[in-house]
Protein backbone atom coordinates (compact mmCIF):
# COMPACT_ATOMS: atom_id res chain seq x y z
CA MET A 1 6.13 -19.75 -7.67
CA ASP A 2 4.48 -16.52 -8.83
CA PHE A 3 1.04 -18.07 -8.29
CA ILE A 4 1.89 -19.07 -4.70
CA LEU A 5 3.31 -15.61 -4.05
CA SER A 6 0.15 -14.00 -5.42
CA VAL A 7 -2.11 -16.15 -3.24
CA LEU A 8 -0.04 -15.39 -0.14
CA ARG A 9 -0.14 -11.65 -0.88
CA LEU A 10 -3.92 -11.78 -1.31
CA VAL A 11 -4.21 -13.59 2.04
CA ALA A 12 -1.98 -10.94 3.63
CA CYS A 13 -4.13 -8.18 2.16
CA TYR A 14 -7.28 -9.81 3.57
CA LEU A 15 -5.63 -10.18 6.98
CA LEU A 16 -4.83 -6.48 6.85
CA VAL A 17 -8.45 -5.69 5.94
CA VAL A 18 -9.59 -7.45 9.12
CA LYS A 19 -6.78 -5.80 11.12
CA ASN A 20 -4.96 -9.02 11.93
CA GLN A 21 -1.36 -8.41 13.05
CA ALA A 22 -0.20 -11.59 11.28
CA ALA A 23 -0.67 -9.71 7.99
CA TRP A 24 2.57 -7.84 8.60
CA ALA A 25 4.63 -11.02 9.01
CA LEU A 26 3.17 -12.46 5.81
CA ILE A 27 3.74 -9.18 3.97
CA LEU A 28 7.35 -9.17 5.10
CA ILE A 29 7.95 -12.72 3.87
CA THR A 30 6.26 -12.16 0.50
CA ASN A 31 8.03 -8.83 0.00
CA LEU A 32 11.38 -10.58 0.06
CA PHE A 33 10.33 -12.72 -2.91
CA LYS A 34 8.52 -9.86 -4.65
CA ILE A 35 11.74 -7.81 -4.62
CA LEU A 36 13.39 -10.42 -6.85
CA VAL A 37 10.40 -10.69 -9.19
CA LEU A 38 10.09 -6.93 -9.66
CA TYR A 39 13.78 -6.52 -10.33
CA LYS A 40 13.69 -9.37 -12.84
CA ILE A 41 10.85 -7.78 -14.86
CA GLY A 42 12.61 -4.41 -15.05
CA LEU A 43 11.02 -2.41 -12.22
CA PRO A 44 14.05 -1.64 -10.04
CA LEU A 45 12.54 1.38 -8.25
CA LEU A 46 9.52 -0.66 -7.20
CA SER A 47 11.86 -3.44 -6.12
CA ILE A 48 13.73 -1.01 -3.86
CA SER A 49 10.45 0.37 -2.51
CA LYS A 50 9.46 -3.16 -1.49
CA LEU A 51 12.64 -3.29 0.56
CA MET A 52 11.58 -0.07 2.26
CA THR A 53 8.05 -1.38 2.85
CA SER A 54 9.59 -4.46 4.43
CA CYS A 55 11.10 -2.14 7.04
CA LEU A 56 7.70 -0.48 7.53
CA SER A 57 6.17 -3.94 7.96
CA CYS A 58 8.58 -4.62 10.81
CA VAL A 59 7.61 -1.32 12.46
CA ALA A 60 3.91 -2.07 12.00
CA TRP A 61 4.36 -5.57 13.44
CA CYS A 62 5.92 -4.08 16.58
CA PHE A 63 3.37 -1.29 17.15
CA TRP A 64 0.20 -2.81 15.71
CA HIS A 65 -1.27 -3.58 19.13
CA GLN A 66 -1.38 0.11 20.09
CA GLU A 67 -4.66 1.82 19.29
CA PRO A 68 -4.46 5.27 17.62
CA GLN A 69 -6.88 6.66 20.22
CA LYS A 70 -4.16 6.18 22.86
CA TRP A 71 -1.48 8.09 20.97
CA PRO A 72 -0.72 11.71 21.91
CA LYS A 73 -2.83 14.30 20.07
CA TRP A 74 0.17 15.68 18.12
CA ALA A 75 0.92 12.23 16.66
CA ASN A 76 -2.64 11.81 15.39
CA VAL A 77 -2.65 15.32 13.91
CA ALA A 78 0.69 14.73 12.17
CA ILE A 79 -0.38 11.37 10.75
CA ASP A 80 -3.75 12.74 9.61
CA GLY A 81 -2.00 15.69 7.97
CA TYR A 82 0.39 13.38 6.16
CA ALA A 83 -2.52 11.22 5.02
CA TYR A 84 -4.46 14.15 3.50
CA VAL A 85 -1.43 15.71 1.82
CA SER A 86 -0.18 12.42 0.41
CA ILE A 87 -3.55 11.35 -1.02
CA VAL A 88 -4.05 14.75 -2.68
CA THR A 89 -0.48 14.58 -4.06
CA LEU A 90 -0.98 11.05 -5.38
CA GLY A 91 -4.26 12.08 -6.98
CA PHE A 92 -2.56 15.06 -8.63
CA MET A 93 0.30 12.86 -9.86
CA SER A 94 -2.24 10.39 -11.28
CA MET A 95 -4.05 13.15 -13.17
CA LEU A 96 -0.75 14.39 -14.61
CA MET A 97 0.13 10.87 -15.71
CA VAL A 98 -3.27 10.29 -17.32
CA ALA A 99 -2.96 13.65 -19.10
CA GLY A 100 0.27 12.37 -20.68
CA SER A 101 2.68 14.52 -18.72
CA SER A 102 6.26 13.35 -18.88
CA PHE A 103 6.69 14.80 -15.38
CA VAL A 104 5.35 11.65 -13.75
CA ASP A 105 6.76 8.25 -14.64
CA LYS A 106 4.46 5.30 -13.92
CA GLU A 107 7.04 3.50 -11.84
CA VAL A 108 7.61 6.63 -9.71
CA LEU A 109 3.85 6.94 -9.11
CA ILE A 110 3.64 3.23 -8.21
CA VAL A 111 6.53 3.62 -5.74
CA ALA A 112 4.95 6.72 -4.18
CA CYS A 113 1.60 4.95 -3.78
CA ASN A 114 3.24 1.82 -2.39
CA LEU A 115 5.27 3.67 0.25
CA THR A 116 2.36 5.93 1.19
CA GLY A 117 -0.01 2.97 1.49
CA TYR A 118 2.34 1.05 3.75
CA LEU A 119 3.18 4.05 5.92
CA LEU A 120 -0.48 4.92 6.44
CA ALA A 121 -1.40 1.27 7.08
CA ALA A 122 1.37 0.94 9.64
CA PHE A 123 -0.37 3.73 11.58
CA LYS A 124 -3.87 2.31 10.93
CA GLN A 125 -4.96 5.18 8.68
CA ARG A 126 -7.80 4.21 6.36
CA PHE A 127 -6.44 6.44 3.58
CA CYS A 128 -3.89 3.68 2.95
CA TRP A 129 -6.60 1.94 0.93
CA ALA A 130 -6.98 4.95 -1.41
CA ALA A 131 -3.22 4.92 -2.04
CA TRP A 132 -3.39 1.21 -2.81
CA VAL A 133 -6.32 1.63 -5.22
CA ILE A 134 -4.24 4.11 -7.25
CA TYR A 135 -1.25 1.75 -6.93
CA ASP A 136 -3.26 -1.21 -8.21
CA LEU A 137 -4.79 0.68 -11.15
CA VAL A 138 -1.42 1.96 -12.38
CA LEU A 139 0.26 -1.42 -11.78
CA ILE A 140 -2.46 -3.18 -13.80
CA ASP A 141 -1.69 -0.82 -16.68
CA VAL A 142 2.06 -1.53 -16.40
CA PHE A 143 1.48 -5.30 -16.32
CA LEU A 144 -0.71 -5.08 -19.42
CA GLN A 145 1.96 -3.06 -21.24
CA LEU A 146 4.53 -5.73 -20.31
CA GLY A 147 2.19 -8.46 -21.60
CA MET A 148 1.77 -9.93 -18.11
CA ILE A 149 -1.97 -10.61 -18.41
CA LEU A 150 -2.18 -13.05 -15.47
CA SER A 151 -0.37 -10.61 -13.14
CA ALA A 152 -2.77 -7.84 -14.22
CA MET A 153 -5.75 -10.09 -13.51
CA VAL A 154 -4.42 -11.05 -10.07
CA THR A 155 -3.78 -7.38 -9.27
CA MET A 156 -7.43 -6.66 -10.11
CA LEU A 157 -8.37 -8.91 -7.16
CA TYR A 158 -6.83 -6.37 -4.79
CA LEU A 159 -9.32 -3.66 -5.78
CA PRO A 160 -12.38 -5.15 -4.00
CA LEU A 161 -10.16 -5.93 -0.99
CA ALA A 162 -9.04 -2.29 -0.89
CA LEU A 163 -12.64 -1.08 -1.02
CA LEU A 164 -13.58 -3.52 1.73
CA GLY A 165 -10.58 -2.36 3.78
CA ALA A 166 -11.59 1.29 3.42
CA TYR A 167 -15.08 0.39 4.63
CA LYS A 168 -13.95 -1.81 7.54
CA TRP A 169 -11.30 0.64 8.71
CA GLN A 170 -13.81 3.33 9.65
CA LEU A 171 -12.60 4.24 13.10
CA PRO A 172 -14.47 6.13 15.79
CA LYS A 173 -13.20 9.61 16.53
CA PRO A 174 -10.12 9.44 18.75
CA ASP A 175 -10.45 10.33 22.43
CA TYR A 176 -7.21 12.29 22.72
CA GLN A 177 -5.21 11.98 25.89
CA THR A 178 -3.78 15.15 27.33
């Protein structure tokens, strides 16, 4: 079951890389199973965050057809501002965690990266891929600490997809409507 779930999540990630709206439906379906898996292995915060990202997936599914260039200028500025602040914050949290600070728990960082990645992806912001790279790196470490070698290896497969997504999601400058 976990293998099938992993394959479906990789397919969903690839569909997101190529900006296919069907990715959101597949993400929603796999999130429902992932919630149970994460709770079972002792990551309840991440399990709850998957429930929240399921809601974001529904929003993204509904609004995915709208191009950011057609949004009002204030919406683009707000989303861009959130993207920059969140990526800097996640980077800072990662540095604190690597430095051994007890201020940042790994599961909290994973949840923050997960929610940020989904929120930015729902609004077609390429910084979502940076959030997911941090997410994947920390999650790989957690899986290795739990002795879940296969899950860590599968999670490593997301890294090249995230880099490809960041490259493919280079958008032209928006032509703001007044």
